[in-house]
Amino acid sequence: MLSIEDKTEFIIAIRNYRCTKTKKMANCTDFTVYDSLNKKVLMRCIEPQGNEYVGMGQVKSMLELIKSENYSHGILISNRFTAAALDEMAAGKIQKVSDEYMPPFDTEKLYLTIFDFLSNLCKAKCGKIALKDFDCQEKQTKGPCKIKSIANNALFHFESGWIDLLQNDLKLALALNK
């Protein structure tokens, strides 16, 4: 199961959002992101304290921020929501992401996102995209290249239809950039 942070990074990567601002608060983090149409989207991640549910008050405060800051819509990511919070989210323009629900995505898009991300990382690290292992500068100095290893695994997982492992490949790829 993906953590709240992993779910956030996954959605940003798979939807090709451009993150411009991050604001951390006590138990939540707000991300201002832009989609491919340059629409401003508020992503809020609420890290629960124990078995806590996100309530209607937290959703209403997010709706106020969406309205006051001219966001096109919002995405609220947490583990669990109360029924009242879900009703309020449905009435507003807030998509939920929880332990029970992850927005659908195209598997091919996921693989291409991983491939593009790793290609850019490889180009930044080696100055070019090394298509063959012997072209890779990392392999010549430090042993097997982590970027190539994740890319090869992702291709195998995609071809085998192993979605959970492909999601994990994205997680590993994003971790290389930290």
C-alpha atoms as a PDB file:
ATOM      1  CA  MET A   1       0.000   0.000   0.000  1.00  0.00           C
ATOM      2  CA  LEU A   2       1.294   3.459  -0.925  1.00  0.00           C
ATOM      3  CA  SER A   3       1.834   6.061   1.778  1.00  0.00           C
ATOM      4  CA  ILE A   4       0.095   9.436   1.540  1.00  0.00           C
ATOM      5  CA  GLU A   5       3.345  11.012   0.341  1.00  0.00           C
ATOM      6  CA  ASP A   6       3.793   8.282  -2.286  1.00  0.00           C
ATOM      7  CA  LYS A   7       0.189   8.722  -3.493  1.00  0.00           C
ATOM      8  CA  THR A   8       0.814  12.451  -3.888  1.00  0.00           C
ATOM      9  CA  GLU A   9       4.035  11.964  -5.864  1.00  0.00           C
ATOM     10  CA  PHE A  10       2.327   9.274  -7.950  1.00  0.00           C
ATOM     11  CA  ILE A  11      -0.575  11.553  -8.930  1.00  0.00           C
ATOM     12  CA  ILE A  12       1.744  14.478  -9.695  1.00  0.00           C
ATOM     13  CA  ALA A  13       3.907  12.254 -11.898  1.00  0.00           C
ATOM     14  CA  ILE A  14       1.183  10.307 -13.701  1.00  0.00           C
ATOM     15  CA  ARG A  15      -0.880  13.425 -14.457  1.00  0.00           C
ATOM     16  CA  ASN A  16       2.235  15.378 -15.411  1.00  0.00           C
ATOM     17  CA  TYR A  17       1.422  18.184 -12.964  1.00  0.00           C
ATOM     18  CA  ARG A  18       3.889  21.003 -12.506  1.00  0.00           C
ATOM     19  CA  CYS A  19       4.302  21.790  -8.796  1.00  0.00           C
ATOM     20  CA  THR A  20       4.941  25.467  -8.067  1.00  0.00           C
ATOM     21  CA  LYS A  21       4.338  25.805  -4.344  1.00  0.00           C
ATOM     22  CA  THR A  22       4.368  23.606  -1.258  1.00  0.00           C
ATOM     23  CA  LYS A  23       3.050  24.742   2.112  1.00  0.00           C
ATOM     24  CA  LYS A  24       3.480  22.496   5.167  1.00  0.00           C
ATOM     25  CA  MET A  25       1.189  22.907   8.151  1.00  0.00           C
ATOM     26  CA  ALA A  26       0.678  20.961  11.381  1.00  0.00           C
ATOM     27  CA  ASN A  27      -0.884  17.767  10.024  1.00  0.00           C
ATOM     28  CA  CYS A  28      -1.220  18.543   6.327  1.00  0.00           C
ATOM     29  CA  THR A  29       0.634  19.778   3.279  1.00  0.00           C
ATOM     30  CA  ASP A  30      -0.792  21.832   0.419  1.00  0.00           C
ATOM     31  CA  PHE A  31       0.619  21.604  -3.099  1.00  0.00           C
ATOM     32  CA  THR A  32      -0.213  24.136  -5.775  1.00  0.00           C
ATOM     33  CA  VAL A  33       0.097  22.338  -9.095  1.00  0.00           C
ATOM     34  CA  TYR A  34      -0.764  23.134 -12.691  1.00  0.00           C
ATOM     35  CA  ASP A  35      -2.139  20.628 -15.172  1.00  0.00           C
ATOM     36  CA  SER A  36      -1.370  20.416 -18.900  1.00  0.00           C
ATOM     37  CA  LEU A  37      -4.060  23.021 -19.622  1.00  0.00           C
ATOM     38  CA  ASN A  38      -2.388  25.368 -17.086  1.00  0.00           C
ATOM     39  CA  LYS A  39      -5.309  25.066 -14.648  1.00  0.00           C
ATOM     40  CA  LYS A  40      -4.383  25.673 -11.024  1.00  0.00           C
ATOM     41  CA  VAL A  41      -5.142  22.677  -8.783  1.00  0.00           C
ATOM     42  CA  LEU A  42      -4.923  22.418  -4.984  1.00  0.00           C
ATOM     43  CA  MET A  43      -3.646  19.091  -3.691  1.00  0.00           C
ATOM     44  CA  ARG A  44      -3.982  18.702   0.073  1.00  0.00           C
ATOM     45  CA  CYS A  45      -2.470  15.767   1.950  1.00  0.00           C
ATOM     46  CA  ILE A  46      -3.736  15.206   5.455  1.00  0.00           C
ATOM     47  CA  GLU A  47      -1.618  12.880   7.556  1.00  0.00           C
ATOM     48  CA  PRO A  48      -3.977  11.355  10.144  1.00  0.00           C
ATOM     49  CA  GLN A  49      -3.171  11.130  13.819  1.00  0.00           C
ATOM     50  CA  GLY A  50      -3.738   7.429  14.524  1.00  0.00           C
ATOM     51  CA  ASN A  51      -7.083   6.201  13.169  1.00  0.00           C
ATOM     52  CA  GLU A  52      -8.481   9.696  12.637  1.00  0.00           C
ATOM     53  CA  TYR A  53     -10.942  10.451   9.825  1.00  0.00           C
ATOM     54  CA  VAL A  54     -10.953  13.641   7.746  1.00  0.00           C
ATOM     55  CA  GLY A  55     -14.111  15.524   8.698  1.00  0.00           C
ATOM     56  CA  MET A  56     -16.429  18.029   7.077  1.00  0.00           C
ATOM     57  CA  GLY A  57     -14.673  20.998   8.734  1.00  0.00           C
ATOM     58  CA  GLN A  58     -11.394  20.162   7.021  1.00  0.00           C
ATOM     59  CA  VAL A  59     -13.171  19.818   3.674  1.00  0.00           C
ATOM     60  CA  LYS A  60     -14.971  23.157   4.132  1.00  0.00           C
ATOM     61  CA  SER A  61     -11.697  24.948   4.875  1.00  0.00           C
ATOM     62  CA  MET A  62     -10.238  23.447   1.696  1.00  0.00           C
ATOM     63  CA  LEU A  63     -13.287  24.585  -0.310  1.00  0.00           C
ATOM     64  CA  GLU A  64     -12.848  28.132   1.028  1.00  0.00           C
ATOM     65  CA  LEU A  65      -9.192  28.119  -0.055  1.00  0.00           C
ATOM     66  CA  ILE A  66     -10.109  26.786  -3.515  1.00  0.00           C
ATOM     67  CA  LYS A  67     -12.592  29.623  -3.930  1.00  0.00           C
ATOM     68  CA  SER A  68     -10.445  32.429  -2.479  1.00  0.00           C
ATOM     69  CA  GLU A  69      -7.276  31.464  -4.391  1.00  0.00           C
ATOM     70  CA  ASN A  70      -9.046  30.696  -7.713  1.00  0.00           C
ATOM     71  CA  TYR A  71      -8.138  27.015  -7.983  1.00  0.00           C
ATOM     72  CA  SER A  72     -10.012  25.114 -10.696  1.00  0.00           C
ATOM     73  CA  HIS A  73     -10.522  22.147  -8.345  1.00  0.00           C
ATOM     74  CA  GLY A  74      -8.942  20.198  -5.531  1.00  0.00           C
ATOM     75  CA  ILE A  75      -7.625  16.758  -4.646  1.00  0.00           C
ATOM     76  CA  LEU A  76      -7.726  15.633  -1.013  1.00  0.00           C
ATOM     77  CA  ILE A  77      -5.452  12.770  -0.045  1.00  0.00           C
ATOM     78  CA  SER A  78      -5.777  10.975   3.280  1.00  0.00           C
ATOM     79  CA  ASN A  79      -6.489   7.517   4.656  1.00  0.00           C
ATOM     80  CA  ARG A  80     -10.175   7.819   5.589  1.00  0.00           C
ATOM     81  CA  PHE A  81     -13.056  10.304   5.378  1.00  0.00           C
ATOM     82  CA  THR A  82     -16.324  10.686   7.294  1.00  0.00           C
ATOM     83  CA  ALA A  83     -19.573  10.305   5.345  1.00  0.00           C
ATOM     84  CA  ALA A  84     -20.289  14.030   5.795  1.00  0.00           C
ATOM     85  CA  ALA A  85     -16.842  14.893   4.423  1.00  0.00           C
ATOM     86  CA  LEU A  86     -17.439  12.683   1.369  1.00  0.00           C
ATOM     87  CA  ASP A  87     -20.798  14.389   0.739  1.00  0.00           C
ATOM     88  CA  GLU A  88     -19.179  17.820   1.029  1.00  0.00           C
ATOM     89  CA  MET A  89     -16.384  16.775  -1.358  1.00  0.00           C
ATOM     90  CA  ALA A  90     -18.937  15.488  -3.882  1.00  0.00           C
ATOM     91  CA  ALA A  91     -20.816  18.798  -3.700  1.00  0.00           C
ATOM     92  CA  GLY A  92     -17.604  20.785  -4.268  1.00  0.00           C
ATOM     93  CA  LYS A  93     -14.896  20.176  -6.813  1.00  0.00           C
ATOM     94  CA  ILE A  94     -12.705  17.955  -4.646  1.00  0.00           C
ATOM     95  CA  GLN A  95     -11.529  14.509  -5.704  1.00  0.00           C
ATOM     96  CA  LYS A  96     -10.697  12.064  -2.931  1.00  0.00           C
ATOM     97  CA  VAL A  97      -7.739   9.726  -2.747  1.00  0.00           C
ATOM     98  CA  SER A  98      -7.786   7.275   0.139  1.00  0.00           C
ATOM     99  CA  ASP A  99      -6.839   3.776   1.216  1.00  0.00           C
ATOM    100  CA  GLU A 100      -9.953   2.501  -0.572  1.00  0.00           C
ATOM    101  CA  TYR A 101      -9.788   4.662  -3.690  1.00  0.00           C
ATOM    102  CA  MET A 102      -6.979   5.591  -6.045  1.00  0.00           C
ATOM    103  CA  PRO A 103      -8.000   7.436  -9.237  1.00  0.00           C
ATOM    104  CA  PRO A 104      -7.826   5.261 -12.337  1.00  0.00           C
ATOM    105  CA  PHE A 105      -4.811   5.581 -14.592  1.00  0.00           C
ATOM    106  CA  ASP A 106      -3.638   4.099 -17.850  1.00  0.00           C
ATOM    107  CA  THR A 107      -0.907   1.476 -17.372  1.00  0.00           C
ATOM    108  CA  GLU A 108       0.860   2.539 -20.557  1.00  0.00           C
ATOM    109  CA  LYS A 109       0.840   6.158 -19.335  1.00  0.00           C
ATOM    110  CA  LEU A 110       2.403   4.985 -16.064  1.00  0.00           C
ATOM    111  CA  TYR A 111       5.186   3.150 -17.901  1.00  0.00           C
ATOM    112  CA  LEU A 112       5.827   6.119 -20.224  1.00  0.00           C
ATOM    113  CA  THR A 113       5.944   8.452 -17.211  1.00  0.00           C
ATOM    114  CA  ILE A 114       8.600   6.245 -15.607  1.00  0.00           C
ATOM    115  CA  PHE A 115      10.542   5.967 -18.879  1.00  0.00           C
ATOM    116  CA  ASP A 116      10.481   9.752 -19.504  1.00  0.00           C
ATOM    117  CA  PHE A 117      11.460  10.511 -15.916  1.00  0.00           C
ATOM    118  CA  LEU A 118      14.373   8.063 -15.981  1.00  0.00           C
ATOM    119  CA  SER A 119      15.518   9.247 -19.430  1.00  0.00           C
ATOM    120  CA  ASN A 120      15.654  12.839 -18.173  1.00  0.00           C
ATOM    121  CA  LEU A 121      17.497  11.719 -15.039  1.00  0.00           C
ATOM    122  CA  CYS A 122      19.985   9.749 -17.133  1.00  0.00           C
ATOM    123  CA  LYS A 123      20.549  12.708 -19.454  1.00  0.00           C
ATOM    124  CA  ALA A 124      21.091  15.047 -16.487  1.00  0.00           C
ATOM    125  CA  LYS A 125      23.517  12.633 -14.841  1.00  0.00           C
ATOM    126  CA  CYS A 126      25.528  11.402 -17.848  1.00  0.00           C
ATOM    127  CA  GLY A 127      24.973  14.205 -20.358  1.00  0.00           C
ATOM    128  CA  LYS A 128      23.144  11.865 -22.726  1.00  0.00           C
ATOM    129  CA  ILE A 129      20.637   9.069 -22.650  1.00  0.00           C
ATOM    130  CA  ALA A 130      22.741   5.916 -22.567  1.00  0.00           C
ATOM    131  CA  LEU A 131      20.854   3.416 -24.703  1.00  0.00           C
ATOM    132  CA  LYS A 132      23.322   0.620 -24.052  1.00  0.00           C
ATOM    133  CA  ASP A 133      24.855  -0.359 -20.716  1.00  0.00           C
ATOM    134  CA  PHE A 134      28.433   0.165 -21.951  1.00  0.00           C
ATOM    135  CA  ASP A 135      27.572   3.810 -22.811  1.00  0.00           C
ATOM    136  CA  CYS A 136      26.580   4.454 -19.198  1.00  0.00           C
ATOM    137  CA  GLN A 137      29.173   6.414 -17.216  1.00  0.00           C
ATOM    138  CA  GLU A 138      27.686   5.234 -13.913  1.00  0.00           C
ATOM    139  CA  LYS A 139      28.362   1.582 -14.787  1.00  0.00           C
ATOM    140  CA  GLN A 140      31.974   2.336 -15.626  1.00  0.00           C
ATOM    141  CA  THR A 141      32.654   3.972 -12.258  1.00  0.00           C
ATOM    142  CA  LYS A 142      30.305   2.550  -9.632  1.00  0.00           C
ATOM    143  CA  GLY A 143      28.931  -0.732 -10.932  1.00  0.00           C
ATOM    144  CA  PRO A 144      25.377  -1.308 -12.195  1.00  0.00           C
ATOM    145  CA  CYS A 145      23.473   1.882 -12.937  1.00  0.00           C
ATOM    146  CA  LYS A 146      20.400   2.307 -10.709  1.00  0.00           C
ATOM    147  CA  ILE A 147      18.588   4.281 -13.405  1.00  0.00           C
ATOM    148  CA  LYS A 148      19.089   1.536 -16.016  1.00  0.00           C
ATOM    149  CA  SER A 149      18.160  -1.144 -13.478  1.00  0.00           C
ATOM    150  CA  ILE A 150      14.838   0.544 -12.628  1.00  0.00           C
ATOM    151  CA  ALA A 151      14.151   1.188 -16.332  1.00  0.00           C
ATOM    152  CA  ASN A 152      14.760  -2.478 -17.212  1.00  0.00           C
ATOM    153  CA  ASN A 153      12.570  -3.643 -14.332  1.00  0.00           C
ATOM    154  CA  ALA A 154       9.795  -1.216 -15.312  1.00  0.00           C
ATOM    155  CA  LEU A 155       9.795  -2.515 -18.879  1.00  0.00           C
ATOM    156  CA  PHE A 156       9.597  -6.114 -17.651  1.00  0.00           C
ATOM    157  CA  HIS A 157       6.823  -5.287 -15.173  1.00  0.00           C
ATOM    158  CA  PHE A 158       4.873  -3.393 -17.856  1.00  0.00           C
ATOM    159  CA  GLU A 159       5.191  -6.232 -20.369  1.00  0.00           C
ATOM    160  CA  SER A 160       4.156  -8.746 -17.678  1.00  0.00           C
ATOM    161  CA  GLY A 161       1.156  -6.642 -16.582  1.00  0.00           C
ATOM    162  CA  TRP A 162       2.358  -6.354 -12.993  1.00  0.00           C
ATOM    163  CA  ILE A 163       0.804  -3.002 -12.068  1.00  0.00           C
ATOM    164  CA  ASP A 164       1.763  -3.053  -8.361  1.00  0.00           C
ATOM    165  CA  LEU A 165       5.410  -3.581  -9.243  1.00  0.00           C
ATOM    166  CA  LEU A 166       5.204  -0.883 -11.909  1.00  0.00           C
ATOM    167  CA  GLN A 167       3.877   1.530  -9.274  1.00  0.00           C
ATOM    168  CA  ASN A 168       6.800   0.543  -7.072  1.00  0.00           C
ATOM    169  CA  ASP A 169       9.176   1.259  -9.990  1.00  0.00           C
ATOM    170  CA  LEU A 170       7.797   4.802 -10.125  1.00  0.00           C
ATOM    171  CA  LYS A 171       8.312   5.140  -6.379  1.00  0.00           C
ATOM    172  CA  LEU A 172      11.935   3.986  -6.740  1.00  0.00           C
ATOM    173  CA  ALA A 173      12.511   6.322  -9.682  1.00  0.00           C
ATOM    174  CA  LEU A 174      11.153   9.319  -7.771  1.00  0.00           C
ATOM    175  CA  ALA A 175      13.372   8.410  -4.808  1.00  0.00           C
ATOM    176  CA  LEU A 176      16.461   8.690  -7.057  1.00  0.00           C
ATOM    177  CA  ASN A 177      15.658  12.358  -7.578  1.00  0.00           C
ATOM    178  CA  LYS A 178      15.693  13.173  -3.857  1.00  0.00           C
END
